[in-house]
N, C-alpha and C. Protein backbone atom coordinates (compact mmCIF):
# COMPACT_ATOMS: atom_id res chain seq x y z
N UNK A 1 -106.13 58.75 80.85
CA UNK A 1 -106.27 58.39 79.44
C UNK A 1 -106.94 59.55 78.70
N UNK A 2 -106.36 59.95 77.57
CA UNK A 2 -106.91 61.05 76.79
C UNK A 2 -108.21 60.62 76.12
N UNK A 3 -108.94 61.63 75.61
CA UNK A 3 -110.19 61.32 74.93
C UNK A 3 -110.00 60.44 73.72
N UNK A 4 -108.95 60.72 72.91
CA UNK A 4 -108.68 59.92 71.71
C UNK A 4 -108.30 58.49 72.08
N UNK A 5 -107.49 58.36 73.11
CA UNK A 5 -107.08 57.02 73.55
C UNK A 5 -108.28 56.23 74.05
N UNK A 6 -109.18 56.91 74.75
CA UNK A 6 -110.37 56.24 75.25
C UNK A 6 -111.25 55.77 74.09
N UNK A 7 -111.38 56.61 73.07
CA UNK A 7 -112.19 56.24 71.91
C UNK A 7 -111.58 55.04 71.19
N UNK A 8 -110.25 55.04 71.06
CA UNK A 8 -109.59 53.90 70.41
C UNK A 8 -109.81 52.62 71.20
N UNK A 9 -109.72 52.73 72.53
CA UNK A 9 -109.93 51.56 73.38
C UNK A 9 -111.37 51.06 73.26
N UNK A 10 -112.31 51.98 73.19
CA UNK A 10 -113.72 51.58 73.07
C UNK A 10 -113.97 50.91 71.73
N UNK A 11 -113.39 51.47 70.65
CA UNK A 11 -113.57 50.86 69.33
C UNK A 11 -112.95 49.47 69.29
N UNK A 12 -111.79 49.33 69.94
CA UNK A 12 -111.14 48.02 69.98
C UNK A 12 -111.99 47.02 70.75
N UNK A 13 -112.58 47.47 71.86
CA UNK A 13 -113.43 46.58 72.66
C UNK A 13 -114.66 46.16 71.88
N UNK A 14 -115.25 47.09 71.13
CA UNK A 14 -116.42 46.77 70.31
C UNK A 14 -116.06 45.73 69.26
N UNK A 15 -114.93 45.96 68.56
CA UNK A 15 -114.51 45.03 67.51
C UNK A 15 -114.21 43.65 68.09
N UNK A 16 -113.54 43.62 69.23
CA UNK A 16 -113.17 42.34 69.84
C UNK A 16 -114.40 41.57 70.32
N UNK A 17 -115.35 42.27 70.92
CA UNK A 17 -116.55 41.58 71.41
C UNK A 17 -117.42 41.11 70.25
N UNK A 18 -117.49 41.88 69.17
CA UNK A 18 -118.23 41.44 67.98
C UNK A 18 -117.60 40.17 67.41
N UNK A 19 -116.28 40.16 67.32
CA UNK A 19 -115.59 38.99 66.77
C UNK A 19 -115.81 37.77 67.65
N UNK A 20 -115.77 37.94 68.96
CA UNK A 20 -116.00 36.82 69.87
C UNK A 20 -117.40 36.26 69.68
N UNK A 21 -118.38 37.14 69.52
CA UNK A 21 -119.76 36.69 69.35
C UNK A 21 -119.93 35.96 68.02
N UNK A 22 -119.38 36.51 66.95
CA UNK A 22 -119.54 35.90 65.63
C UNK A 22 -118.82 34.55 65.56
N UNK A 23 -117.63 34.48 66.13
CA UNK A 23 -116.90 33.21 66.14
C UNK A 23 -117.66 32.15 66.93
N UNK A 24 -118.19 32.56 68.08
CA UNK A 24 -118.97 31.62 68.90
C UNK A 24 -120.25 31.22 68.20
N UNK A 25 -120.86 32.15 67.46
CA UNK A 25 -122.12 31.87 66.77
C UNK A 25 -121.94 30.79 65.71
N UNK A 26 -120.82 30.79 65.02
CA UNK A 26 -120.60 29.76 63.99
C UNK A 26 -120.61 28.37 64.61
N UNK A 27 -119.95 28.22 65.74
CA UNK A 27 -119.91 26.91 66.40
C UNK A 27 -121.25 26.56 67.05
N UNK A 28 -121.81 27.53 67.74
CA UNK A 28 -123.06 27.31 68.48
C UNK A 28 -124.22 26.97 67.54
N UNK A 29 -124.37 27.74 66.47
CA UNK A 29 -125.47 27.49 65.54
C UNK A 29 -125.25 26.18 64.77
N UNK A 30 -124.00 25.81 64.54
CA UNK A 30 -123.73 24.54 63.87
C UNK A 30 -124.15 23.37 64.76
N UNK A 31 -123.99 23.53 66.07
CA UNK A 31 -124.39 22.49 67.01
C UNK A 31 -125.90 22.45 67.20
N UNK A 32 -126.53 23.61 67.14
CA UNK A 32 -127.98 23.70 67.37
C UNK A 32 -128.64 24.05 66.03
N UNK A 33 -129.23 25.23 65.95
CA UNK A 33 -129.76 25.80 64.70
C UNK A 33 -129.56 27.30 64.80
N UNK A 34 -129.81 28.01 63.71
CA UNK A 34 -129.64 29.46 63.76
C UNK A 34 -130.77 30.13 64.55
N UNK A 35 -131.74 29.33 65.02
CA UNK A 35 -132.81 29.86 65.86
C UNK A 35 -132.59 29.53 67.34
N UNK A 36 -131.41 29.03 67.68
CA UNK A 36 -131.12 28.68 69.07
C UNK A 36 -131.12 29.94 69.94
N UNK A 37 -131.39 29.79 71.26
CA UNK A 37 -131.46 30.95 72.16
C UNK A 37 -130.19 31.79 72.16
N UNK A 38 -130.36 33.10 72.07
CA UNK A 38 -129.21 33.99 71.97
C UNK A 38 -128.54 34.24 73.31
N UNK A 39 -129.27 34.10 74.41
CA UNK A 39 -128.64 34.29 75.72
C UNK A 39 -127.56 33.24 75.96
N UNK A 40 -127.81 32.02 75.50
CA UNK A 40 -126.80 30.97 75.63
C UNK A 40 -125.60 31.28 74.74
N UNK A 41 -125.86 31.86 73.57
CA UNK A 41 -124.76 32.27 72.70
C UNK A 41 -123.90 33.32 73.38
N UNK A 42 -124.53 34.28 74.04
CA UNK A 42 -123.78 35.31 74.76
C UNK A 42 -122.88 34.67 75.82
N UNK A 43 -123.42 33.68 76.53
CA UNK A 43 -122.63 33.01 77.56
C UNK A 43 -121.43 32.31 76.95
N UNK A 44 -121.65 31.63 75.83
CA UNK A 44 -120.54 30.92 75.18
C UNK A 44 -119.49 31.89 74.65
N UNK A 45 -119.94 33.05 74.22
CA UNK A 45 -119.00 34.04 73.69
C UNK A 45 -118.24 34.75 74.80
N UNK A 46 -118.68 34.58 76.04
CA UNK A 46 -118.01 35.21 77.16
C UNK A 46 -118.33 36.68 77.31
N UNK A 47 -119.54 37.07 76.87
CA UNK A 47 -119.96 38.47 77.02
C UNK A 47 -121.28 38.49 77.77
N UNK A 48 -121.59 39.62 78.36
CA UNK A 48 -122.85 39.75 79.08
C UNK A 48 -123.99 39.91 78.07
N UNK A 49 -125.22 39.55 78.47
CA UNK A 49 -126.36 39.79 77.57
C UNK A 49 -126.47 41.25 77.14
N UNK A 50 -126.14 42.18 78.05
CA UNK A 50 -126.21 43.60 77.70
C UNK A 50 -125.24 43.93 76.58
N UNK A 51 -124.01 43.42 76.69
CA UNK A 51 -123.02 43.66 75.64
C UNK A 51 -123.45 43.00 74.34
N UNK A 52 -123.98 41.79 74.44
CA UNK A 52 -124.43 41.08 73.24
C UNK A 52 -125.46 41.91 72.48
N UNK A 53 -126.47 42.40 73.19
CA UNK A 53 -127.54 43.11 72.51
C UNK A 53 -127.15 44.53 72.11
N UNK A 54 -126.09 45.06 72.70
CA UNK A 54 -125.56 46.33 72.18
C UNK A 54 -124.90 46.10 70.83
N UNK A 55 -124.23 44.97 70.68
CA UNK A 55 -123.56 44.68 69.41
C UNK A 55 -124.56 44.22 68.35
N UNK A 56 -125.54 43.41 68.78
CA UNK A 56 -126.53 42.86 67.85
C UNK A 56 -127.91 42.99 68.48
N UNK A 57 -128.58 44.12 68.27
CA UNK A 57 -129.88 44.36 68.91
C UNK A 57 -130.94 43.32 68.56
N UNK A 58 -130.87 42.73 67.36
CA UNK A 58 -131.86 41.73 66.96
C UNK A 58 -131.16 40.52 66.36
N UNK A 59 -131.90 39.42 66.28
CA UNK A 59 -131.37 38.24 65.63
C UNK A 59 -131.05 38.50 64.16
N UNK A 60 -131.84 39.36 63.52
CA UNK A 60 -131.59 39.70 62.12
C UNK A 60 -130.25 40.41 61.96
N UNK A 61 -129.89 41.25 62.93
CA UNK A 61 -128.60 41.93 62.87
C UNK A 61 -127.46 40.92 62.94
N UNK A 62 -127.63 39.89 63.76
CA UNK A 62 -126.60 38.86 63.89
C UNK A 62 -126.49 38.05 62.60
N UNK A 63 -127.62 37.70 62.00
CA UNK A 63 -127.60 36.94 60.75
C UNK A 63 -126.92 37.75 59.65
N UNK A 64 -127.22 39.03 59.57
CA UNK A 64 -126.59 39.88 58.55
C UNK A 64 -125.07 39.92 58.75
N UNK A 65 -124.64 40.03 60.00
CA UNK A 65 -123.21 40.08 60.27
C UNK A 65 -122.54 38.76 59.90
N UNK A 66 -123.19 37.64 60.18
CA UNK A 66 -122.65 36.34 59.79
C UNK A 66 -122.60 36.21 58.27
N UNK A 67 -123.64 36.66 57.61
CA UNK A 67 -123.70 36.62 56.14
C UNK A 67 -122.53 37.41 55.55
N UNK A 68 -122.33 38.62 56.07
CA UNK A 68 -121.24 39.46 55.56
C UNK A 68 -119.88 38.86 55.91
N UNK A 69 -119.81 38.16 57.02
CA UNK A 69 -118.56 37.48 57.42
C UNK A 69 -118.22 36.39 56.40
N UNK A 70 -119.23 35.63 55.98
CA UNK A 70 -119.00 34.60 54.97
C UNK A 70 -118.66 35.24 53.62
N UNK A 71 -119.35 36.33 53.29
CA UNK A 71 -119.08 37.01 52.02
C UNK A 71 -117.63 37.50 51.97
N UNK A 72 -117.11 37.95 53.11
CA UNK A 72 -115.73 38.42 53.16
C UNK A 72 -114.75 37.29 52.85
N UNK A 73 -115.11 36.07 53.21
CA UNK A 73 -114.24 34.92 52.90
C UNK A 73 -114.20 34.67 51.39
N UNK A 74 -115.34 34.87 50.73
CA UNK A 74 -115.33 34.73 49.27
C UNK A 74 -114.58 35.89 48.62
N UNK A 75 -114.66 37.09 49.22
CA UNK A 75 -113.86 38.21 48.72
C UNK A 75 -112.37 37.86 48.77
N UNK A 76 -111.95 37.29 49.88
CA UNK A 76 -110.54 36.91 50.03
C UNK A 76 -110.16 35.83 49.02
N UNK A 77 -111.09 34.90 48.77
CA UNK A 77 -110.82 33.84 47.80
C UNK A 77 -110.58 34.42 46.42
N UNK A 78 -111.48 35.29 45.96
CA UNK A 78 -111.32 35.85 44.62
C UNK A 78 -110.11 36.77 44.53
N UNK A 79 -109.76 37.42 45.64
CA UNK A 79 -108.56 38.26 45.64
C UNK A 79 -107.29 37.42 45.53
N UNK A 80 -107.38 36.14 45.93
CA UNK A 80 -106.20 35.27 45.90
C UNK A 80 -105.98 34.63 44.53
N UNK A 81 -106.94 34.78 43.63
CA UNK A 81 -106.82 34.19 42.30
C UNK A 81 -106.03 35.15 41.43
N UNK A 82 -104.85 34.74 41.03
CA UNK A 82 -103.94 35.64 40.32
C UNK A 82 -104.09 35.50 38.80
N UNK A 83 -103.94 36.62 38.11
CA UNK A 83 -104.06 36.62 36.65
C UNK A 83 -102.94 35.83 35.97
N UNK A 84 -101.85 35.57 36.69
CA UNK A 84 -100.74 34.83 36.09
C UNK A 84 -101.10 33.37 35.84
N UNK A 85 -102.09 32.85 36.57
CA UNK A 85 -102.52 31.47 36.35
C UNK A 85 -103.42 31.41 35.13
N UNK A 86 -103.57 30.22 34.57
CA UNK A 86 -104.48 30.05 33.45
C UNK A 86 -105.92 30.19 33.94
N UNK A 87 -106.84 30.41 33.00
CA UNK A 87 -108.24 30.52 33.38
C UNK A 87 -108.73 29.24 34.03
N UNK A 88 -108.30 28.09 33.51
CA UNK A 88 -108.71 26.81 34.09
C UNK A 88 -108.16 26.64 35.50
N UNK A 89 -106.92 27.06 35.72
CA UNK A 89 -106.34 26.99 37.06
C UNK A 89 -107.07 27.93 38.01
N UNK A 90 -107.45 29.11 37.52
CA UNK A 90 -108.22 30.04 38.35
C UNK A 90 -109.57 29.43 38.73
N UNK A 91 -110.20 28.78 37.76
CA UNK A 91 -111.48 28.14 38.03
C UNK A 91 -111.33 27.05 39.07
N UNK A 92 -110.28 26.24 38.93
CA UNK A 92 -110.03 25.19 39.91
C UNK A 92 -109.79 25.75 41.30
N UNK A 93 -109.05 26.86 41.37
CA UNK A 93 -108.80 27.51 42.66
C UNK A 93 -110.10 28.01 43.28
N UNK A 94 -110.98 28.57 42.44
CA UNK A 94 -112.25 29.08 42.94
C UNK A 94 -113.11 27.95 43.51
N UNK A 95 -113.17 26.83 42.80
CA UNK A 95 -113.99 25.70 43.26
C UNK A 95 -113.39 25.08 44.52
N UNK A 96 -112.08 24.89 44.51
CA UNK A 96 -111.41 24.31 45.69
C UNK A 96 -111.59 25.22 46.90
N UNK A 97 -111.44 26.52 46.69
CA UNK A 97 -111.60 27.47 47.79
C UNK A 97 -113.02 27.52 48.31
N UNK A 98 -113.99 27.42 47.39
CA UNK A 98 -115.40 27.42 47.81
C UNK A 98 -115.71 26.21 48.67
N UNK A 99 -115.19 25.05 48.27
CA UNK A 99 -115.41 23.84 49.06
C UNK A 99 -114.78 23.99 50.45
N UNK A 100 -113.60 24.60 50.51
CA UNK A 100 -112.95 24.81 51.81
C UNK A 100 -113.78 25.73 52.70
N UNK A 101 -114.35 26.79 52.12
CA UNK A 101 -115.18 27.71 52.89
C UNK A 101 -116.42 27.00 53.42
N UNK A 102 -117.05 26.20 52.56
CA UNK A 102 -118.25 25.47 52.98
C UNK A 102 -117.91 24.47 54.08
N UNK A 103 -116.79 23.77 53.92
CA UNK A 103 -116.40 22.78 54.92
C UNK A 103 -116.18 23.44 56.29
N UNK A 104 -115.63 24.64 56.27
CA UNK A 104 -115.35 25.34 57.53
C UNK A 104 -116.54 26.16 58.03
N UNK A 105 -117.60 26.24 57.23
CA UNK A 105 -118.75 27.09 57.59
C UNK A 105 -120.05 26.31 57.40
N UNK A 106 -120.34 25.34 58.27
CA UNK A 106 -121.51 24.49 58.07
C UNK A 106 -122.85 25.22 58.14
N UNK A 107 -122.86 26.44 58.69
CA UNK A 107 -124.13 27.18 58.75
C UNK A 107 -124.28 28.14 57.58
N UNK A 108 -123.40 28.05 56.60
CA UNK A 108 -123.44 28.98 55.47
C UNK A 108 -124.79 28.97 54.77
N UNK A 109 -125.29 27.78 54.41
CA UNK A 109 -126.55 27.72 53.67
C UNK A 109 -127.74 28.25 54.47
N UNK A 110 -127.96 27.82 55.73
CA UNK A 110 -129.10 28.38 56.47
C UNK A 110 -128.99 29.89 56.68
N UNK A 111 -127.78 30.40 56.83
CA UNK A 111 -127.62 31.85 56.96
C UNK A 111 -127.96 32.54 55.65
N UNK A 112 -127.54 31.97 54.52
CA UNK A 112 -127.88 32.53 53.21
C UNK A 112 -129.39 32.58 53.02
N UNK A 113 -130.04 31.47 53.35
CA UNK A 113 -131.50 31.39 53.16
C UNK A 113 -132.21 32.39 54.06
N UNK A 114 -131.80 32.48 55.33
CA UNK A 114 -132.43 33.41 56.24
C UNK A 114 -132.21 34.86 55.80
N UNK A 115 -131.04 35.15 55.27
CA UNK A 115 -130.76 36.51 54.83
C UNK A 115 -131.64 36.89 53.65
N UNK A 116 -131.95 35.92 52.79
CA UNK A 116 -132.86 36.21 51.68
C UNK A 116 -134.24 36.58 52.19
N UNK A 117 -134.63 36.02 53.33
CA UNK A 117 -135.92 36.35 53.92
C UNK A 117 -135.87 37.71 54.60
N UNK A 118 -134.76 38.01 55.25
CA UNK A 118 -134.62 39.27 55.99
C UNK A 118 -134.51 40.46 55.05
N UNK A 119 -133.64 40.32 54.04
CA UNK A 119 -133.37 41.44 53.14
C UNK A 119 -132.99 40.92 51.76
N UNK A 120 -133.98 40.68 50.90
CA UNK A 120 -133.68 40.14 49.57
C UNK A 120 -132.78 41.04 48.73
N UNK A 121 -132.75 42.33 49.06
CA UNK A 121 -131.95 43.27 48.27
C UNK A 121 -130.48 43.24 48.64
N UNK A 122 -130.14 42.57 49.72
CA UNK A 122 -128.73 42.51 50.16
C UNK A 122 -128.03 41.42 49.37
N UNK A 123 -127.21 41.81 48.39
CA UNK A 123 -126.61 40.84 47.47
C UNK A 123 -125.12 41.10 47.28
N UNK A 124 -124.31 40.83 48.27
CA UNK A 124 -122.87 41.05 48.10
C UNK A 124 -122.26 40.18 47.01
N UNK A 125 -122.92 39.06 46.69
CA UNK A 125 -122.39 38.16 45.67
C UNK A 125 -122.35 38.77 44.28
N UNK A 126 -123.09 39.85 44.06
CA UNK A 126 -123.08 40.46 42.73
C UNK A 126 -121.70 40.99 42.35
N UNK A 127 -120.88 41.31 43.34
CA UNK A 127 -119.55 41.82 43.01
C UNK A 127 -118.61 40.72 42.51
N UNK A 128 -119.04 39.47 42.62
CA UNK A 128 -118.20 38.37 42.12
C UNK A 128 -118.58 37.97 40.70
N UNK A 129 -119.66 38.54 40.16
CA UNK A 129 -120.13 38.14 38.84
C UNK A 129 -119.09 38.44 37.77
N UNK A 130 -118.56 39.66 37.76
CA UNK A 130 -117.59 40.03 36.73
C UNK A 130 -116.33 39.17 36.77
N UNK A 131 -115.70 38.95 37.95
CA UNK A 131 -114.53 38.07 37.98
C UNK A 131 -114.83 36.66 37.48
N UNK A 132 -116.01 36.14 37.83
CA UNK A 132 -116.36 34.79 37.38
C UNK A 132 -116.53 34.75 35.87
N UNK A 133 -117.17 35.77 35.32
CA UNK A 133 -117.35 35.82 33.86
C UNK A 133 -116.01 35.94 33.15
N UNK A 134 -115.08 36.68 33.74
CA UNK A 134 -113.76 36.85 33.13
C UNK A 134 -112.98 35.53 33.11
N UNK A 135 -112.97 34.82 34.22
CA UNK A 135 -112.22 33.56 34.24
C UNK A 135 -112.92 32.50 33.39
N UNK A 136 -114.26 32.59 33.28
CA UNK A 136 -114.99 31.68 32.40
C UNK A 136 -114.58 31.89 30.95
N UNK A 137 -114.56 33.15 30.52
CA UNK A 137 -114.17 33.46 29.14
C UNK A 137 -112.74 33.02 28.87
N UNK A 138 -111.87 33.25 29.83
CA UNK A 138 -110.46 32.89 29.65
C UNK A 138 -110.28 31.38 29.53
N UNK A 139 -110.96 30.62 30.38
CA UNK A 139 -110.85 29.16 30.33
C UNK A 139 -111.41 28.61 29.03
N UNK A 140 -112.45 29.24 28.50
CA UNK A 140 -113.00 28.81 27.22
C UNK A 140 -112.01 29.09 26.09
N UNK A 141 -111.38 30.25 26.12
CA UNK A 141 -110.40 30.59 25.09
C UNK A 141 -109.24 29.61 25.09
N UNK A 142 -108.91 29.09 26.26
CA UNK A 142 -107.82 28.11 26.37
C UNK A 142 -108.25 26.72 25.89
N UNK A 143 -109.57 26.54 25.68
CA UNK A 143 -110.07 25.25 25.26
C UNK A 143 -110.22 24.26 26.40
N UNK A 144 -110.16 24.74 27.63
CA UNK A 144 -110.23 23.85 28.79
C UNK A 144 -111.64 23.75 29.38
N UNK A 145 -112.44 24.80 29.22
CA UNK A 145 -113.79 24.83 29.79
C UNK A 145 -114.80 24.58 28.68
N UNK A 146 -115.75 23.71 28.93
CA UNK A 146 -116.77 23.41 27.92
C UNK A 146 -117.49 24.69 27.52
N UNK A 147 -117.84 24.77 26.24
CA UNK A 147 -118.34 26.03 25.69
C UNK A 147 -119.77 26.35 26.11
N UNK A 148 -120.53 25.35 26.58
CA UNK A 148 -121.92 25.63 26.95
C UNK A 148 -122.09 26.02 28.41
N UNK A 149 -120.98 26.18 29.13
CA UNK A 149 -121.04 26.65 30.52
C UNK A 149 -121.01 28.17 30.53
N UNK A 150 -121.84 28.77 31.36
CA UNK A 150 -121.88 30.22 31.49
C UNK A 150 -121.31 30.64 32.85
N UNK A 151 -120.99 31.92 32.95
CA UNK A 151 -120.54 32.44 34.23
C UNK A 151 -121.60 32.28 35.30
N UNK A 152 -122.86 32.34 34.90
CA UNK A 152 -123.94 32.19 35.86
C UNK A 152 -124.00 30.76 36.40
N UNK A 153 -123.70 29.77 35.53
CA UNK A 153 -123.62 28.39 36.01
C UNK A 153 -122.62 28.29 37.15
N UNK A 154 -121.47 28.93 36.97
CA UNK A 154 -120.42 28.87 37.99
C UNK A 154 -120.80 29.67 39.22
N UNK A 155 -121.56 30.76 39.04
CA UNK A 155 -121.96 31.57 40.18
C UNK A 155 -122.89 30.80 41.11
N UNK A 156 -123.58 29.79 40.58
CA UNK A 156 -124.48 28.98 41.41
C UNK A 156 -123.76 27.85 42.13
N UNK A 157 -122.49 27.63 41.77
CA UNK A 157 -121.75 26.53 42.37
C UNK A 157 -121.69 26.60 43.89
N UNK A 158 -121.44 27.78 44.50
CA UNK A 158 -121.41 27.82 45.97
C UNK A 158 -122.70 27.34 46.62
N UNK A 159 -123.85 27.62 45.98
CA UNK A 159 -125.12 27.18 46.55
C UNK A 159 -125.22 25.66 46.53
N UNK A 160 -124.80 25.06 45.40
CA UNK A 160 -124.84 23.60 45.30
C UNK A 160 -123.89 22.96 46.30
N UNK A 161 -122.71 23.54 46.43
CA UNK A 161 -121.72 22.99 47.36
C UNK A 161 -122.20 23.15 48.80
N UNK A 162 -122.79 24.32 49.10
CA UNK A 162 -123.24 24.59 50.47
C UNK A 162 -124.31 23.61 50.92
N UNK A 163 -125.11 23.09 49.99
CA UNK A 163 -126.15 22.15 50.38
C UNK A 163 -125.56 20.87 50.97
N UNK A 164 -124.34 20.51 50.53
CA UNK A 164 -123.69 19.32 51.09
C UNK A 164 -123.04 19.61 52.43
N UNK A 165 -122.74 20.88 52.68
CA UNK A 165 -122.15 21.25 53.96
C UNK A 165 -123.09 21.05 55.12
N UNK A 166 -124.39 20.84 54.83
CA UNK A 166 -125.36 20.62 55.90
C UNK A 166 -125.23 19.23 56.51
N UNK A 167 -124.57 18.31 55.80
CA UNK A 167 -124.36 16.98 56.36
C UNK A 167 -123.29 17.04 57.45
N UNK A 168 -123.41 16.21 58.48
CA UNK A 168 -122.39 16.23 59.55
C UNK A 168 -121.10 15.59 59.06
N UNK A 169 -119.96 16.03 59.61
CA UNK A 169 -118.71 15.33 59.31
C UNK A 169 -118.73 13.96 59.97
N UNK A 170 -118.05 12.96 59.40
CA UNK A 170 -117.18 13.04 58.22
C UNK A 170 -117.92 12.87 56.89
N UNK A 171 -119.26 12.71 56.94
CA UNK A 171 -120.00 12.52 55.69
C UNK A 171 -119.82 13.72 54.76
N UNK A 172 -119.92 14.93 55.32
CA UNK A 172 -119.79 16.13 54.49
C UNK A 172 -118.43 16.20 53.82
N UNK A 173 -117.38 15.79 54.53
CA UNK A 173 -116.04 15.82 53.96
C UNK A 173 -115.94 14.90 52.75
N UNK A 174 -116.48 13.69 52.89
CA UNK A 174 -116.45 12.73 51.78
C UNK A 174 -117.23 13.27 50.59
N UNK A 175 -118.44 13.77 50.84
CA UNK A 175 -119.29 14.26 49.75
C UNK A 175 -118.67 15.47 49.06
N UNK A 176 -118.09 16.38 49.83
CA UNK A 176 -117.48 17.57 49.24
C UNK A 176 -116.26 17.20 48.40
N UNK A 177 -115.46 16.27 48.88
CA UNK A 177 -114.29 15.84 48.11
C UNK A 177 -114.71 15.18 46.80
N UNK A 178 -115.76 14.38 46.85
CA UNK A 178 -116.23 13.72 45.62
C UNK A 178 -116.83 14.75 44.66
N UNK A 179 -117.58 15.71 45.20
CA UNK A 179 -118.17 16.73 44.34
C UNK A 179 -117.09 17.56 43.66
N UNK A 180 -115.98 17.77 44.35
CA UNK A 180 -114.87 18.53 43.77
C UNK A 180 -114.42 17.89 42.46
N UNK A 181 -114.20 16.58 42.48
CA UNK A 181 -113.78 15.89 41.27
C UNK A 181 -114.86 15.88 40.20
N UNK A 182 -116.11 15.68 40.62
CA UNK A 182 -117.22 15.65 39.67
C UNK A 182 -117.37 17.00 38.97
N UNK A 183 -117.27 18.08 39.73
CA UNK A 183 -117.40 19.41 39.14
C UNK A 183 -116.31 19.69 38.12
N UNK A 184 -115.07 19.43 38.49
CA UNK A 184 -113.97 19.73 37.58
C UNK A 184 -114.05 18.88 36.31
N UNK A 185 -114.35 17.59 36.46
CA UNK A 185 -114.46 16.73 35.28
C UNK A 185 -115.66 17.13 34.42
N UNK A 186 -116.76 17.51 35.07
CA UNK A 186 -117.95 17.89 34.32
C UNK A 186 -117.81 19.20 33.58
N UNK A 187 -116.94 20.08 34.08
CA UNK A 187 -116.75 21.39 33.45
C UNK A 187 -115.72 21.36 32.33
N UNK A 188 -114.86 20.36 32.34
CA UNK A 188 -113.74 20.36 31.41
C UNK A 188 -114.17 20.00 29.99
N UNK A 189 -113.56 20.68 29.03
CA UNK A 189 -113.80 20.39 27.61
C UNK A 189 -112.82 19.32 27.14
N UNK A 190 -113.19 18.54 26.11
CA UNK A 190 -114.53 18.50 25.50
C UNK A 190 -115.46 17.62 26.32
N UNK A 191 -116.76 17.85 26.17
CA UNK A 191 -117.74 17.05 26.89
C UNK A 191 -118.68 16.38 25.90
N UNK A 192 -118.86 15.06 26.00
CA UNK A 192 -119.74 14.36 25.05
C UNK A 192 -121.22 14.60 25.30
N UNK A 193 -121.56 15.12 26.49
CA UNK A 193 -122.98 15.31 26.84
C UNK A 193 -123.29 16.79 26.99
N UNK A 194 -124.14 17.34 26.10
CA UNK A 194 -124.46 18.77 26.20
C UNK A 194 -125.32 19.05 27.43
N UNK A 195 -125.20 20.26 27.94
CA UNK A 195 -126.06 20.67 29.05
C UNK A 195 -127.48 20.84 28.54
N UNK A 196 -128.44 20.40 29.33
CA UNK A 196 -129.84 20.53 28.96
C UNK A 196 -130.53 21.47 29.93
N UNK A 197 -131.79 21.75 29.66
CA UNK A 197 -132.54 22.64 30.54
C UNK A 197 -133.33 23.67 29.79
N UNK A 198 -133.20 23.68 28.47
CA UNK A 198 -134.03 24.57 27.67
C UNK A 198 -133.66 26.03 27.79
N UNK A 199 -132.39 26.34 27.87
CA UNK A 199 -131.97 27.74 27.92
C UNK A 199 -131.25 28.06 29.21
N UNK A 200 -131.18 29.35 29.52
CA UNK A 200 -130.48 29.81 30.71
C UNK A 200 -131.46 30.47 31.67
N UNK A 201 -131.04 30.58 32.92
CA UNK A 201 -131.84 31.24 33.95
C UNK A 201 -131.17 32.55 34.31
N UNK A 202 -131.91 33.63 34.22
CA UNK A 202 -131.36 34.93 34.57
C UNK A 202 -131.20 35.06 36.08
N UNK A 203 -130.18 35.82 36.48
CA UNK A 203 -129.86 35.95 37.91
C UNK A 203 -131.05 36.49 38.70
N UNK A 204 -131.74 37.51 38.17
CA UNK A 204 -132.85 38.12 38.89
C UNK A 204 -133.99 37.13 39.08
N UNK A 205 -134.29 36.35 38.03
CA UNK A 205 -135.37 35.38 38.12
C UNK A 205 -135.03 34.30 39.15
N UNK A 206 -133.78 33.86 39.16
CA UNK A 206 -133.38 32.84 40.12
C UNK A 206 -133.47 33.37 41.55
N UNK A 207 -132.97 34.59 41.76
CA UNK A 207 -133.00 35.17 43.10
C UNK A 207 -134.43 35.30 43.60
N UNK A 208 -135.33 35.79 42.74
CA UNK A 208 -136.72 35.96 43.15
C UNK A 208 -137.38 34.62 43.45
N UNK A 209 -137.07 33.60 42.64
CA UNK A 209 -137.65 32.28 42.86
C UNK A 209 -137.16 31.68 44.17
N UNK A 210 -135.87 31.85 44.46
CA UNK A 210 -135.32 31.34 45.71
C UNK A 210 -136.00 31.99 46.90
N UNK A 211 -136.17 33.31 46.84
CA UNK A 211 -136.79 34.02 47.95
C UNK A 211 -138.24 33.59 48.12
N UNK A 212 -138.95 33.42 47.01
CA UNK A 212 -140.36 33.03 47.08
C UNK A 212 -140.49 31.63 47.66
N UNK A 213 -139.64 30.70 47.22
CA UNK A 213 -139.72 29.33 47.71
C UNK A 213 -139.37 29.22 49.18
N UNK A 214 -138.35 29.97 49.61
CA UNK A 214 -137.91 29.87 51.00
C UNK A 214 -138.88 30.53 51.95
N UNK A 215 -139.55 31.59 51.47
CA UNK A 215 -140.48 32.29 52.35
C UNK A 215 -141.84 31.61 52.42
N UNK A 216 -142.08 30.68 51.46
CA UNK A 216 -143.34 29.96 51.44
C UNK A 216 -144.47 30.76 50.82
N UNK A 217 -144.15 31.90 50.21
CA UNK A 217 -145.18 32.75 49.60
C UNK A 217 -145.19 32.49 48.10
N UNK A 218 -146.03 31.59 47.66
CA UNK A 218 -146.05 31.20 46.25
C UNK A 218 -146.67 32.27 45.37
N UNK A 219 -147.33 33.26 45.96
CA UNK A 219 -148.00 34.28 45.16
C UNK A 219 -147.16 35.53 44.99
N UNK A 220 -146.02 35.56 45.63
CA UNK A 220 -145.19 36.76 45.57
C UNK A 220 -144.65 36.95 44.16
N UNK A 221 -144.74 38.16 43.56
CA UNK A 221 -144.28 38.36 42.18
C UNK A 221 -142.77 38.34 42.11
C-alpha cells in the first residue's frame, strides 16, 4: 500500500470510528445521562478504550462533537427551506423540522446546556439568525405572521421544543405534536392577544443569563 493510500485508509478509519462513537453516544446517553461512564460507551460503540480516547480525549471533546452534530442537522434543515415557498410555509417547515430533530435527538437539551458550561463562546446557532429574520420579514409582508413576533422569538423556539424532548416516548411524541399546532396557531396573524413581557430580550443578554443560571454562578457578570 502506498503512503497516500495508507493515509486515506487511516482518515477513513478515524471518520468511521468517530461516527460509530457519536451514534452510540446518542442512544447510550439517552438511556442513561450524559455523565454515564465512557468506557461502557466505547464498548457499545465497538471500539477499544484506546481508540475511544484517541478520538475524544476528554468528555468535553465528546460533548462538543455531539453539539456540532446536532448543529449540522439544523444546518441541513435551513438549507432545505427553499425561497420558492412562501415565508409562512418556510416558517412551518422550520418548526416542523425542529420538532423532528428534537424527537430524534432526546439528549439535545442536556448537550446544549453542558456546552454552554464548557464553552459559552461556541455559538453555531448565530449563523441561523439571518435566515430566520429573513423568513420572519417575508411572512409578515404576506400578512400571515403576527406583527409583534421577532426573529429572536423564533430563534428561541428550538430551546422551548427541546425541553419537551426530555420526556420519554410516547409522552414526548404527544407533547411535541400538540406544541406544533399551538406554535403555528399562536404565530399566525391576526392575533387577538398581544404578546406581553415589557419589551424584547437581546440575544447576548439571554445567552449570558442562560449560562449563569445553568452554571449556578449567580454573581457572574
